[in-house]
Amino acid sequence: MNTRPIRLGVLLSGSGRTLQNFLDRIAAGTLPARVETVISSKPGVKGLERAAKAAIPHFTVPYKEYPNFKAHSKAINEILARYEIDLICLAGYLHLYAFPEAFRGRIMNIHPALIPAFCGKGYYGHHVHEAVIHTGVKITGCTVHFVDEQYDHGPIIIQKAVPVLEDDTPEAVADRVFEQECEAYPEAITLFAEGRLRIEGRRVRILAPQGK
C-alpha cells in the first residue's frame, strides 16, 4: 500500500477553512499529504493568509483579470507546473477549471450537498443551504468527487449525510455539513494516496486495502 505523503495543489477562492482542515490533519499525522502550493482566484482572502502562515508558496490569479475560465485556468496551470503535484484539490474554488488532460482522475472537489441535488452553476456556499431550507428536504450533506468539465458533475467518491431539522437556519445546516466535510475530504485524499480509488465510467470503486 502506498502511504507516502502525496503532494497537493490547492485551489481556493475564499476563507480557506478546508485548507486549514488539511493542514491541521497533516500536522496531526492523520492525513498522508503535503500542500505544495495554494492558488486563489481572489486577492486578499483569508485562505492566502493561512497559506502564508504555514509557509506554503501561494499565488493570486484574479479571475476578473481574464476573459474566460479557460484563460484563467491556463494561468493557474502554468503555476502548478512549477511544482511536483500528485493531486489537485479544489477547496472552495468557485469557477470552472480547465485542467491538463494529464490530471484527469487526479483532481477532487467537495460540494456542500448530496450531488446531484443542489449542485451546478450558482449553487455554492450559502446559496446551497438556503435552497435546502427552502425546498424542505429532510437530509442533506456533502460530496467529494473527481472533477470533470462540468460544475459538480464528476464521479462521486464519498458522500456523508446530515439531517435537516425543523427549525434549522441555513447557517445551522452549513455548520453541520462542514463538520462532515472535514471528515470526508481527508478520507478521500487518503484513499487516493493509498491507491484505492478506481474510476469506472461514472462510478468510483473503493478497493480493499492490500493484503485483505
N, C-alpha and C. Protein backbone atom coordinates (compact mmCIF):
# COMPACT_ATOMS: atom_id res chain seq x y z
N MET A 1 0.85 -1.20 0.00
CA MET A 1 0.00 0.00 0.00
C MET A 1 0.88 1.25 0.00
N ASN A 2 0.53 2.19 -0.86
CA ASN A 2 1.30 3.43 -0.93
C ASN A 2 0.76 4.42 0.07
N THR A 3 1.52 4.70 1.11
CA THR A 3 1.07 5.67 2.10
C THR A 3 2.07 6.83 2.22
N ARG A 4 2.94 6.99 1.21
CA ARG A 4 3.83 8.15 1.24
C ARG A 4 2.99 9.41 1.14
N PRO A 5 3.45 10.50 1.72
CA PRO A 5 2.68 11.74 1.61
C PRO A 5 2.51 12.15 0.14
N ILE A 6 1.29 12.37 -0.26
CA ILE A 6 1.08 12.83 -1.62
C ILE A 6 1.12 14.36 -1.64
N ARG A 7 1.49 14.88 -2.78
CA ARG A 7 1.73 16.31 -2.92
C ARG A 7 0.49 16.97 -3.50
N LEU A 8 -0.03 17.95 -2.76
CA LEU A 8 -1.29 18.60 -3.13
C LEU A 8 -1.06 19.99 -3.68
N GLY A 9 -1.84 20.34 -4.70
CA GLY A 9 -2.00 21.72 -5.12
C GLY A 9 -3.42 22.12 -4.78
N VAL A 10 -3.60 23.19 -4.03
CA VAL A 10 -4.92 23.57 -3.53
C VAL A 10 -5.38 24.86 -4.21
N LEU A 11 -6.58 24.82 -4.79
CA LEU A 11 -7.19 25.99 -5.40
C LEU A 11 -8.34 26.46 -4.52
N LEU A 12 -8.40 27.76 -4.24
CA LEU A 12 -9.47 28.29 -3.40
C LEU A 12 -9.88 29.68 -3.87
N SER A 13 -10.96 30.16 -3.26
CA SER A 13 -11.47 31.50 -3.60
C SER A 13 -11.88 32.29 -2.37
N GLY A 14 -11.67 31.73 -1.17
CA GLY A 14 -12.20 32.42 0.00
C GLY A 14 -11.44 32.15 1.27
N SER A 15 -12.17 31.74 2.31
CA SER A 15 -11.64 31.71 3.67
C SER A 15 -10.57 30.66 3.91
N GLY A 16 -10.55 29.61 3.10
CA GLY A 16 -9.55 28.58 3.30
C GLY A 16 -9.80 27.66 4.48
N ARG A 17 -11.05 27.53 4.90
CA ARG A 17 -11.32 26.62 6.03
C ARG A 17 -10.97 25.17 5.67
N THR A 18 -11.23 24.79 4.44
CA THR A 18 -10.89 23.44 4.02
C THR A 18 -9.38 23.25 3.98
N LEU A 19 -8.66 24.24 3.48
CA LEU A 19 -7.21 24.20 3.51
C LEU A 19 -6.72 24.03 4.95
N GLN A 20 -7.27 24.79 5.87
CA GLN A 20 -6.84 24.70 7.26
C GLN A 20 -7.11 23.31 7.84
N ASN A 21 -8.22 22.73 7.44
CA ASN A 21 -8.51 21.36 7.87
C ASN A 21 -7.42 20.41 7.39
N PHE A 22 -7.01 20.56 6.13
CA PHE A 22 -5.91 19.74 5.61
C PHE A 22 -4.65 19.93 6.46
N LEU A 23 -4.30 21.18 6.69
CA LEU A 23 -3.06 21.49 7.40
C LEU A 23 -3.09 20.95 8.82
N ASP A 24 -4.23 21.08 9.49
CA ASP A 24 -4.34 20.57 10.86
C ASP A 24 -4.16 19.05 10.91
N ARG A 25 -4.76 18.37 9.93
CA ARG A 25 -4.68 16.91 9.93
C ARG A 25 -3.30 16.42 9.50
N ILE A 26 -2.68 17.14 8.59
CA ILE A 26 -1.30 16.81 8.23
C ILE A 26 -0.40 16.94 9.46
N ALA A 27 -0.57 18.04 10.19
CA ALA A 27 0.24 18.27 11.39
C ALA A 27 0.00 17.19 12.44
N ALA A 28 -1.24 16.70 12.50
CA ALA A 28 -1.58 15.67 13.48
C ALA A 28 -1.16 14.27 13.04
N GLY A 29 -0.70 14.16 11.80
CA GLY A 29 -0.27 12.86 11.29
C GLY A 29 -1.39 11.97 10.83
N THR A 30 -2.59 12.55 10.59
CA THR A 30 -3.74 11.74 10.18
C THR A 30 -4.10 11.91 8.71
N LEU A 31 -3.36 12.73 7.99
CA LEU A 31 -3.56 12.90 6.55
C LEU A 31 -2.21 12.77 5.87
N PRO A 32 -2.02 11.73 5.06
CA PRO A 32 -0.71 11.49 4.44
C PRO A 32 -0.48 12.37 3.22
N ALA A 33 -0.27 13.65 3.47
CA ALA A 33 -0.18 14.60 2.36
C ALA A 33 0.73 15.76 2.74
N ARG A 34 1.09 16.52 1.72
CA ARG A 34 1.85 17.75 1.90
C ARG A 34 1.32 18.76 0.89
N VAL A 35 1.00 19.97 1.34
CA VAL A 35 0.49 21.01 0.44
C VAL A 35 1.69 21.71 -0.18
N GLU A 36 1.82 21.60 -1.49
CA GLU A 36 2.96 22.18 -2.20
C GLU A 36 2.73 23.64 -2.57
N THR A 37 1.49 23.97 -2.91
CA THR A 37 1.19 25.34 -3.30
C THR A 37 -0.30 25.60 -3.16
N VAL A 38 -0.64 26.87 -2.96
CA VAL A 38 -2.03 27.32 -2.85
C VAL A 38 -2.23 28.45 -3.85
N ILE A 39 -3.31 28.37 -4.60
CA ILE A 39 -3.62 29.41 -5.59
C ILE A 39 -5.05 29.89 -5.35
N SER A 40 -5.20 31.21 -5.26
CA SER A 40 -6.52 31.82 -5.03
C SER A 40 -6.98 32.57 -6.27
N SER A 41 -8.27 32.49 -6.54
CA SER A 41 -8.85 33.24 -7.65
C SER A 41 -9.27 34.64 -7.23
N LYS A 42 -9.13 34.93 -5.93
CA LYS A 42 -9.46 36.27 -5.42
C LYS A 42 -8.29 36.78 -4.58
N PRO A 43 -7.99 38.08 -4.67
CA PRO A 43 -6.91 38.63 -3.84
C PRO A 43 -7.40 38.89 -2.41
N GLY A 44 -6.47 38.87 -1.47
CA GLY A 44 -6.76 39.32 -0.12
C GLY A 44 -7.64 38.42 0.71
N VAL A 45 -7.84 37.17 0.30
CA VAL A 45 -8.73 36.30 1.06
C VAL A 45 -7.96 35.61 2.19
N LYS A 46 -8.69 35.13 3.18
CA LYS A 46 -8.07 34.53 4.35
C LYS A 46 -7.32 33.24 4.00
N GLY A 47 -7.77 32.57 2.96
CA GLY A 47 -7.07 31.36 2.55
C GLY A 47 -5.61 31.61 2.24
N LEU A 48 -5.31 32.77 1.66
CA LEU A 48 -3.93 33.13 1.38
C LEU A 48 -3.16 33.39 2.68
N GLU A 49 -3.83 33.99 3.65
CA GLU A 49 -3.20 34.21 4.96
C GLU A 49 -2.84 32.88 5.62
N ARG A 50 -3.73 31.92 5.51
CA ARG A 50 -3.47 30.61 6.10
C ARG A 50 -2.26 29.96 5.43
N ALA A 51 -2.17 30.08 4.11
CA ALA A 51 -1.03 29.50 3.39
C ALA A 51 0.26 30.19 3.82
N ALA A 52 0.22 31.51 3.93
CA ALA A 52 1.41 32.26 4.32
C ALA A 52 1.86 31.86 5.72
N LYS A 53 0.92 31.71 6.62
CA LYS A 53 1.25 31.34 8.00
C LYS A 53 1.91 29.98 8.05
N ALA A 54 1.51 29.09 7.13
CA ALA A 54 2.09 27.75 7.08
C ALA A 54 3.33 27.68 6.19
N ALA A 55 3.79 28.83 5.71
CA ALA A 55 4.99 28.91 4.86
C ALA A 55 4.84 28.09 3.58
N ILE A 56 3.64 28.11 3.02
CA ILE A 56 3.36 27.42 1.76
C ILE A 56 3.41 28.43 0.62
N PRO A 57 4.10 28.15 -0.47
CA PRO A 57 4.07 29.06 -1.63
C PRO A 57 2.64 29.31 -2.07
N HIS A 58 2.27 30.58 -2.21
CA HIS A 58 0.88 30.90 -2.54
C HIS A 58 0.84 32.02 -3.57
N PHE A 59 -0.22 31.98 -4.37
CA PHE A 59 -0.33 32.89 -5.50
C PHE A 59 -1.78 33.36 -5.65
N THR A 60 -1.93 34.54 -6.21
CA THR A 60 -3.25 35.05 -6.56
C THR A 60 -3.34 35.17 -8.07
N VAL A 61 -4.38 34.57 -8.63
CA VAL A 61 -4.66 34.68 -10.06
C VAL A 61 -6.08 35.22 -10.16
N PRO A 62 -6.25 36.55 -10.15
CA PRO A 62 -7.60 37.14 -10.08
C PRO A 62 -8.46 36.76 -11.29
N TYR A 63 -9.58 36.14 -11.01
CA TYR A 63 -10.45 35.67 -12.09
C TYR A 63 -10.92 36.82 -12.98
N LYS A 64 -11.16 37.97 -12.37
CA LYS A 64 -11.71 39.10 -13.12
C LYS A 64 -10.73 39.66 -14.15
N GLU A 65 -9.48 39.29 -14.05
CA GLU A 65 -8.49 39.82 -14.99
C GLU A 65 -8.37 38.98 -16.26
N TYR A 66 -9.19 37.94 -16.38
CA TYR A 66 -9.10 37.04 -17.54
C TYR A 66 -10.43 37.02 -18.29
N PRO A 67 -10.38 36.83 -19.60
CA PRO A 67 -11.61 36.91 -20.40
C PRO A 67 -12.58 35.76 -20.19
N ASN A 68 -12.07 34.61 -19.75
CA ASN A 68 -12.93 33.45 -19.55
C ASN A 68 -12.22 32.43 -18.66
N PHE A 69 -12.94 31.37 -18.29
CA PHE A 69 -12.37 30.41 -17.35
C PHE A 69 -11.20 29.64 -17.96
N LYS A 70 -11.20 29.50 -19.28
CA LYS A 70 -10.10 28.77 -19.91
C LYS A 70 -8.79 29.55 -19.80
N ALA A 71 -8.86 30.85 -20.03
CA ALA A 71 -7.65 31.68 -19.90
C ALA A 71 -7.19 31.72 -18.45
N HIS A 72 -8.14 31.81 -17.54
CA HIS A 72 -7.81 31.80 -16.12
C HIS A 72 -7.16 30.48 -15.72
N SER A 73 -7.72 29.38 -16.18
CA SER A 73 -7.18 28.06 -15.87
C SER A 73 -5.77 27.91 -16.42
N LYS A 74 -5.54 28.44 -17.60
CA LYS A 74 -4.20 28.35 -18.19
C LYS A 74 -3.16 29.01 -17.30
N ALA A 75 -3.51 30.17 -16.75
CA ALA A 75 -2.58 30.86 -15.85
C ALA A 75 -2.33 30.03 -14.59
N ILE A 76 -3.38 29.42 -14.07
CA ILE A 76 -3.23 28.55 -12.89
C ILE A 76 -2.34 27.35 -13.21
N ASN A 77 -2.59 26.75 -14.37
CA ASN A 77 -1.83 25.56 -14.74
C ASN A 77 -0.34 25.87 -14.92
N GLU A 78 -0.03 27.07 -15.36
CA GLU A 78 1.37 27.46 -15.52
C GLU A 78 2.07 27.52 -14.16
N ILE A 79 1.32 27.93 -13.13
CA ILE A 79 1.90 27.94 -11.78
C ILE A 79 2.04 26.51 -11.25
N LEU A 80 1.01 25.72 -11.41
CA LEU A 80 1.05 24.34 -10.91
C LEU A 80 2.20 23.55 -11.54
N ALA A 81 2.51 23.88 -12.79
CA ALA A 81 3.56 23.15 -13.50
C ALA A 81 4.94 23.35 -12.87
N ARG A 82 5.09 24.35 -12.02
CA ARG A 82 6.37 24.58 -11.34
C ARG A 82 6.59 23.61 -10.19
N TYR A 83 5.56 22.89 -9.82
CA TYR A 83 5.63 22.03 -8.64
C TYR A 83 5.34 20.58 -9.02
N GLU A 84 5.86 19.68 -8.19
CA GLU A 84 5.52 18.26 -8.34
C GLU A 84 4.21 18.02 -7.61
N ILE A 85 3.13 17.85 -8.35
CA ILE A 85 1.79 17.72 -7.77
C ILE A 85 1.23 16.35 -8.12
N ASP A 86 0.75 15.64 -7.11
CA ASP A 86 0.08 14.36 -7.33
C ASP A 86 -1.43 14.52 -7.47
N LEU A 87 -1.99 15.47 -6.71
CA LEU A 87 -3.45 15.63 -6.66
C LEU A 87 -3.78 17.10 -6.51
N ILE A 88 -4.69 17.59 -7.34
CA ILE A 88 -5.19 18.96 -7.22
C ILE A 88 -6.50 18.91 -6.43
N CYS A 89 -6.60 19.74 -5.40
CA CYS A 89 -7.80 19.78 -4.57
C CYS A 89 -8.46 21.15 -4.69
N LEU A 90 -9.70 21.16 -5.16
CA LEU A 90 -10.49 22.39 -5.16
C LEU A 90 -11.11 22.52 -3.78
N ALA A 91 -10.84 23.65 -3.13
CA ALA A 91 -11.25 23.83 -1.73
C ALA A 91 -11.96 25.18 -1.61
N GLY A 92 -13.22 25.20 -2.04
CA GLY A 92 -13.94 26.47 -2.08
C GLY A 92 -13.53 27.30 -3.29
N TYR A 93 -13.19 26.63 -4.38
CA TYR A 93 -12.84 27.29 -5.64
C TYR A 93 -14.12 27.44 -6.45
N LEU A 94 -14.43 28.66 -6.90
CA LEU A 94 -15.79 28.97 -7.38
C LEU A 94 -15.97 28.99 -8.89
N HIS A 95 -14.98 28.50 -9.65
CA HIS A 95 -15.06 28.63 -11.10
C HIS A 95 -14.87 27.28 -11.77
N LEU A 96 -15.32 27.20 -13.02
CA LEU A 96 -14.95 26.03 -13.81
C LEU A 96 -13.43 26.00 -13.96
N TYR A 97 -12.89 24.82 -14.02
CA TYR A 97 -11.44 24.67 -14.11
C TYR A 97 -11.11 23.79 -15.31
N ALA A 98 -10.39 24.36 -16.27
CA ALA A 98 -9.94 23.62 -17.44
C ALA A 98 -8.58 23.02 -17.12
N PHE A 99 -8.56 21.75 -16.78
CA PHE A 99 -7.35 21.13 -16.28
C PHE A 99 -6.57 20.45 -17.40
N PRO A 100 -5.27 20.26 -17.19
CA PRO A 100 -4.48 19.49 -18.15
C PRO A 100 -4.98 18.06 -18.21
N GLU A 101 -5.01 17.48 -19.39
CA GLU A 101 -5.52 16.12 -19.54
C GLU A 101 -4.74 15.13 -18.67
N ALA A 102 -3.47 15.42 -18.44
CA ALA A 102 -2.66 14.53 -17.61
C ALA A 102 -3.18 14.44 -16.18
N PHE A 103 -4.00 15.40 -15.77
CA PHE A 103 -4.54 15.40 -14.41
C PHE A 103 -5.94 14.81 -14.33
N ARG A 104 -6.48 14.31 -15.42
CA ARG A 104 -7.80 13.68 -15.33
C ARG A 104 -7.74 12.52 -14.34
N GLY A 105 -8.70 12.51 -13.42
CA GLY A 105 -8.68 11.49 -12.38
C GLY A 105 -7.74 11.82 -11.24
N ARG A 106 -7.17 13.04 -11.26
CA ARG A 106 -6.28 13.46 -10.18
C ARG A 106 -6.65 14.86 -9.68
N ILE A 107 -7.95 15.17 -9.78
CA ILE A 107 -8.47 16.44 -9.27
C ILE A 107 -9.75 16.14 -8.50
N MET A 108 -9.82 16.64 -7.27
CA MET A 108 -11.01 16.44 -6.44
C MET A 108 -11.64 17.78 -6.08
N ASN A 109 -12.93 17.71 -5.81
CA ASN A 109 -13.68 18.85 -5.29
C ASN A 109 -14.61 18.35 -4.20
N ILE A 110 -14.99 19.25 -3.30
CA ILE A 110 -16.03 18.92 -2.33
C ILE A 110 -17.16 19.90 -2.49
N HIS A 111 -18.39 19.36 -2.47
CA HIS A 111 -19.59 20.19 -2.64
C HIS A 111 -20.48 20.01 -1.41
N PRO A 112 -21.04 21.12 -0.89
CA PRO A 112 -21.80 21.04 0.36
C PRO A 112 -23.26 20.61 0.18
N ALA A 113 -23.46 19.57 -0.59
CA ALA A 113 -24.79 18.96 -0.77
C ALA A 113 -24.57 17.55 -1.31
N LEU A 114 -25.64 16.79 -1.38
CA LEU A 114 -25.57 15.43 -1.89
C LEU A 114 -25.84 15.45 -3.39
N ILE A 115 -24.78 15.53 -4.18
CA ILE A 115 -24.90 15.53 -5.63
C ILE A 115 -25.68 14.28 -6.06
N PRO A 116 -26.65 14.39 -6.98
CA PRO A 116 -26.92 15.51 -7.89
C PRO A 116 -27.93 16.54 -7.39
N ALA A 117 -28.22 16.58 -6.10
CA ALA A 117 -29.12 17.61 -5.57
C ALA A 117 -28.35 18.89 -5.27
N PHE A 118 -28.98 20.02 -5.54
CA PHE A 118 -28.45 21.34 -5.16
C PHE A 118 -27.01 21.54 -5.63
N CYS A 119 -26.80 21.30 -6.90
CA CYS A 119 -25.45 21.47 -7.43
C CYS A 119 -25.52 22.11 -8.81
N GLY A 120 -24.35 22.48 -9.33
CA GLY A 120 -24.27 23.13 -10.63
C GLY A 120 -24.01 24.61 -10.48
N LYS A 121 -24.04 25.32 -11.58
CA LYS A 121 -23.71 26.74 -11.60
C LYS A 121 -24.63 27.52 -10.66
N GLY A 122 -24.05 28.34 -9.83
CA GLY A 122 -24.81 29.17 -8.90
C GLY A 122 -25.04 28.54 -7.54
N TYR A 123 -24.81 27.23 -7.44
CA TYR A 123 -25.00 26.55 -6.17
C TYR A 123 -23.66 26.43 -5.45
N TYR A 124 -23.38 27.40 -4.62
CA TYR A 124 -22.16 27.37 -3.81
C TYR A 124 -22.44 28.12 -2.51
N GLY A 125 -21.65 27.76 -1.47
CA GLY A 125 -21.76 28.45 -0.19
C GLY A 125 -23.18 28.51 0.34
N HIS A 126 -23.56 29.69 0.80
CA HIS A 126 -24.87 29.85 1.45
C HIS A 126 -26.03 29.61 0.50
N HIS A 127 -25.80 29.78 -0.81
CA HIS A 127 -26.87 29.53 -1.79
C HIS A 127 -27.37 28.10 -1.69
N VAL A 128 -26.44 27.16 -1.46
CA VAL A 128 -26.83 25.76 -1.34
C VAL A 128 -27.72 25.54 -0.13
N HIS A 129 -27.31 26.05 1.01
CA HIS A 129 -28.04 25.78 2.24
C HIS A 129 -29.37 26.53 2.30
N GLU A 130 -29.43 27.70 1.69
CA GLU A 130 -30.71 28.40 1.58
C GLU A 130 -31.69 27.59 0.73
N ALA A 131 -31.19 27.00 -0.35
CA ALA A 131 -32.05 26.18 -1.20
C ALA A 131 -32.52 24.93 -0.47
N VAL A 132 -31.66 24.36 0.33
CA VAL A 132 -32.03 23.18 1.12
C VAL A 132 -33.18 23.50 2.05
N ILE A 133 -33.08 24.62 2.77
CA ILE A 133 -34.15 25.02 3.69
C ILE A 133 -35.43 25.33 2.92
N HIS A 134 -35.30 26.07 1.84
CA HIS A 134 -36.48 26.48 1.06
C HIS A 134 -37.22 25.28 0.48
N THR A 135 -36.47 24.27 0.06
CA THR A 135 -37.08 23.11 -0.59
C THR A 135 -37.72 22.16 0.42
N GLY A 136 -37.26 22.20 1.65
CA GLY A 136 -37.87 21.38 2.67
C GLY A 136 -37.37 19.95 2.71
N VAL A 137 -36.18 19.68 2.17
CA VAL A 137 -35.66 18.32 2.24
C VAL A 137 -35.31 17.97 3.68
N LYS A 138 -35.30 16.69 3.97
CA LYS A 138 -35.05 16.22 5.33
C LYS A 138 -33.60 15.80 5.54
N ILE A 139 -32.87 15.59 4.45
CA ILE A 139 -31.48 15.16 4.53
C ILE A 139 -30.66 15.96 3.52
N THR A 140 -29.49 16.39 3.94
CA THR A 140 -28.53 16.98 3.02
C THR A 140 -27.16 16.42 3.40
N GLY A 141 -26.08 17.05 2.98
CA GLY A 141 -24.78 16.52 3.31
C GLY A 141 -23.69 17.10 2.44
N CYS A 142 -22.66 16.31 2.18
CA CYS A 142 -21.56 16.77 1.34
C CYS A 142 -21.12 15.64 0.42
N THR A 143 -20.45 16.02 -0.66
CA THR A 143 -19.99 15.07 -1.67
C THR A 143 -18.57 15.40 -2.08
N VAL A 144 -17.68 14.42 -2.00
CA VAL A 144 -16.35 14.55 -2.60
C VAL A 144 -16.38 13.81 -3.93
N HIS A 145 -15.92 14.48 -4.98
CA HIS A 145 -15.98 13.86 -6.30
C HIS A 145 -14.76 14.25 -7.12
N PHE A 146 -14.47 13.43 -8.12
CA PHE A 146 -13.46 13.81 -9.09
C PHE A 146 -14.03 14.90 -9.99
N VAL A 147 -13.16 15.76 -10.48
CA VAL A 147 -13.58 16.90 -11.30
C VAL A 147 -13.57 16.52 -12.78
N ASP A 148 -14.63 16.93 -13.46
CA ASP A 148 -14.64 16.84 -14.92
C ASP A 148 -14.92 18.22 -15.50
N GLU A 149 -15.49 18.27 -16.70
CA GLU A 149 -15.65 19.56 -17.38
C GLU A 149 -16.90 20.32 -17.00
N GLN A 150 -17.68 19.82 -16.06
CA GLN A 150 -18.91 20.48 -15.63
C GLN A 150 -18.86 20.76 -14.13
N TYR A 151 -19.66 21.75 -13.72
CA TYR A 151 -19.77 22.02 -12.28
C TYR A 151 -20.34 20.82 -11.55
N ASP A 152 -19.67 20.39 -10.47
CA ASP A 152 -20.23 19.42 -9.52
C ASP A 152 -20.76 18.17 -10.22
N HIS A 153 -19.98 17.61 -11.13
CA HIS A 153 -20.52 16.58 -12.00
C HIS A 153 -19.69 15.30 -12.05
N GLY A 154 -18.43 15.34 -11.70
CA GLY A 154 -17.57 14.18 -11.88
C GLY A 154 -17.93 13.01 -10.99
N PRO A 155 -17.28 11.86 -11.20
CA PRO A 155 -17.59 10.64 -10.44
C PRO A 155 -17.47 10.85 -8.93
N ILE A 156 -18.47 10.35 -8.21
CA ILE A 156 -18.57 10.56 -6.76
C ILE A 156 -17.68 9.57 -6.02
N ILE A 157 -16.90 10.10 -5.07
CA ILE A 157 -16.01 9.28 -4.26
C ILE A 157 -16.64 8.95 -2.92
N ILE A 158 -17.06 9.97 -2.19
CA ILE A 158 -17.61 9.82 -0.84
C ILE A 158 -18.76 10.80 -0.66
N GLN A 159 -19.82 10.36 0.00
CA GLN A 159 -20.90 11.24 0.43
C GLN A 159 -21.18 10.99 1.91
N LYS A 160 -21.46 12.06 2.63
CA LYS A 160 -21.85 11.96 4.03
C LYS A 160 -23.12 12.79 4.22
N ALA A 161 -24.08 12.22 4.92
CA ALA A 161 -25.38 12.86 5.07
C ALA A 161 -25.56 13.43 6.47
N VAL A 162 -26.37 14.49 6.56
CA VAL A 162 -26.76 15.07 7.84
C VAL A 162 -28.26 15.37 7.79
N PRO A 163 -28.94 15.37 8.93
CA PRO A 163 -30.36 15.70 8.94
C PRO A 163 -30.58 17.21 8.79
N VAL A 164 -31.72 17.54 8.25
CA VAL A 164 -32.19 18.93 8.24
C VAL A 164 -33.34 19.00 9.23
N LEU A 165 -33.17 19.79 10.28
CA LEU A 165 -34.14 19.81 11.38
C LEU A 165 -35.21 20.86 11.15
N GLU A 166 -36.30 20.72 11.87
CA GLU A 166 -37.48 21.57 11.63
C GLU A 166 -37.18 23.05 11.74
N ASP A 167 -36.42 23.44 12.73
CA ASP A 167 -36.17 24.86 12.98
C ASP A 167 -34.79 25.31 12.49
N ASP A 168 -34.20 24.56 11.58
CA ASP A 168 -32.87 24.89 11.09
C ASP A 168 -32.85 26.20 10.32
N THR A 169 -31.73 26.88 10.42
CA THR A 169 -31.41 28.01 9.56
C THR A 169 -30.35 27.56 8.56
N PRO A 170 -30.16 28.29 7.47
CA PRO A 170 -29.08 27.94 6.55
C PRO A 170 -27.73 27.88 7.24
N GLU A 171 -27.52 28.75 8.21
CA GLU A 171 -26.25 28.76 8.93
C GLU A 171 -26.06 27.49 9.75
N ALA A 172 -27.14 27.03 10.39
CA ALA A 172 -27.06 25.81 11.19
C ALA A 172 -26.78 24.60 10.30
N VAL A 173 -27.43 24.56 9.15
CA VAL A 173 -27.19 23.47 8.20
C VAL A 173 -25.75 23.52 7.70
N ALA A 174 -25.27 24.72 7.39
CA ALA A 174 -23.90 24.88 6.90
C ALA A 174 -22.90 24.35 7.91
N ASP A 175 -23.10 24.66 9.18
CA ASP A 175 -22.17 24.20 10.22
C ASP A 175 -22.17 22.68 10.31
N ARG A 176 -23.36 22.09 10.24
CA ARG A 176 -23.47 20.64 10.36
C ARG A 176 -22.82 19.95 9.16
N VAL A 177 -23.04 20.52 7.98
CA VAL A 177 -22.44 19.95 6.78
C VAL A 177 -20.92 20.08 6.81
N PHE A 178 -20.43 21.24 7.26
CA PHE A 178 -18.98 21.45 7.25
C PHE A 178 -18.27 20.47 8.18
N GLU A 179 -18.91 20.09 9.27
CA GLU A 179 -18.32 19.08 10.15
C GLU A 179 -18.06 17.79 9.37
N GLN A 180 -18.99 17.43 8.50
CA GLN A 180 -18.82 16.22 7.71
C GLN A 180 -17.82 16.42 6.57
N GLU A 181 -17.77 17.64 6.03
CA GLU A 181 -16.76 17.93 5.00
C GLU A 181 -15.36 17.70 5.56
N CYS A 182 -15.17 18.09 6.81
CA CYS A 182 -13.85 17.96 7.44
C CYS A 182 -13.42 16.50 7.59
N GLU A 183 -14.38 15.60 7.57
CA GLU A 183 -14.07 14.17 7.62
C GLU A 183 -13.96 13.58 6.20
N ALA A 184 -14.87 13.97 5.34
CA ALA A 184 -14.98 13.32 4.02
C ALA A 184 -13.80 13.62 3.11
N TYR A 185 -13.36 14.89 3.06
CA TYR A 185 -12.30 15.24 2.12
C TYR A 185 -10.98 14.55 2.49
N PRO A 186 -10.53 14.62 3.74
CA PRO A 186 -9.31 13.88 4.10
C PRO A 186 -9.44 12.38 3.85
N GLU A 187 -10.63 11.84 4.07
CA GLU A 187 -10.83 10.41 3.83
C GLU A 187 -10.61 10.09 2.35
N ALA A 188 -11.15 10.93 1.48
CA ALA A 188 -10.99 10.71 0.05
C ALA A 188 -9.53 10.85 -0.38
N ILE A 189 -8.85 11.85 0.15
CA ILE A 189 -7.43 12.05 -0.18
C ILE A 189 -6.60 10.86 0.29
N THR A 190 -6.91 10.35 1.47
CA THR A 190 -6.18 9.20 1.98
C THR A 190 -6.39 7.97 1.11
N LEU A 191 -7.61 7.74 0.67
CA LEU A 191 -7.89 6.62 -0.24
C LEU A 191 -7.10 6.77 -1.54
N PHE A 192 -7.02 7.99 -2.03
CA PHE A 192 -6.24 8.26 -3.24
C PHE A 192 -4.77 7.96 -2.99
N ALA A 193 -4.25 8.43 -1.85
CA ALA A 193 -2.85 8.21 -1.53
C ALA A 193 -2.53 6.73 -1.41
N GLU A 194 -3.50 5.95 -0.96
CA GLU A 194 -3.30 4.51 -0.81
C GLU A 194 -3.54 3.74 -2.10
N GLY A 195 -3.90 4.45 -3.17
CA GLY A 195 -4.14 3.80 -4.45
C GLY A 195 -5.41 2.96 -4.47
N ARG A 196 -6.39 3.37 -3.70
CA ARG A 196 -7.59 2.55 -3.53
C ARG A 196 -8.82 3.07 -4.27
N LEU A 197 -8.64 4.06 -5.14
CA LEU A 197 -9.77 4.59 -5.90
C LEU A 197 -9.62 4.21 -7.38
N ARG A 198 -10.66 3.59 -7.91
CA ARG A 198 -10.67 3.22 -9.32
C ARG A 198 -11.91 3.80 -9.98
N ILE A 199 -11.72 4.63 -11.00
CA ILE A 199 -12.83 5.22 -11.74
C ILE A 199 -13.29 4.23 -12.80
N GLU A 200 -14.57 3.90 -12.77
CA GLU A 200 -15.18 3.01 -13.76
C GLU A 200 -16.39 3.71 -14.34
N GLY A 201 -16.15 4.47 -15.41
CA GLY A 201 -17.22 5.25 -16.01
C GLY A 201 -17.65 6.38 -15.07
N ARG A 202 -18.92 6.37 -14.67
CA ARG A 202 -19.44 7.39 -13.78
C ARG A 202 -19.31 6.99 -12.31
N ARG A 203 -18.75 5.81 -12.05
CA ARG A 203 -18.66 5.32 -10.68
C ARG A 203 -17.22 5.25 -10.22
N VAL A 204 -17.05 5.38 -8.92
CA VAL A 204 -15.74 5.20 -8.30
C VAL A 204 -15.80 3.97 -7.41
N ARG A 205 -14.95 3.00 -7.68
CA ARG A 205 -14.87 1.82 -6.84
C ARG A 205 -13.78 2.03 -5.79
N ILE A 206 -14.13 1.81 -4.52
CA ILE A 206 -13.15 1.88 -3.43
C ILE A 206 -12.63 0.48 -3.18
N LEU A 207 -11.34 0.29 -3.45
CA LEU A 207 -10.73 -1.03 -3.34
C LEU A 207 -10.39 -1.35 -1.90
N ALA A 208 -10.36 -2.62 -1.58
CA ALA A 208 -9.97 -3.04 -0.23
C ALA A 208 -8.48 -2.77 -0.03
N PRO A 209 -8.06 -2.57 1.20
CA PRO A 209 -6.63 -2.41 1.46
C PRO A 209 -5.86 -3.63 0.98
N GLN A 210 -4.65 -3.40 0.52
CA GLN A 210 -3.82 -4.51 0.05
C GLN A 210 -3.60 -5.51 1.18
N GLY A 211 -3.66 -6.77 0.81
CA GLY A 211 -3.45 -7.83 1.79
C GLY A 211 -4.70 -8.26 2.50
N LYS A 212 -5.87 -7.66 2.10
CA LYS A 212 -7.13 -8.05 2.75
C LYS A 212 -8.09 -8.64 1.73
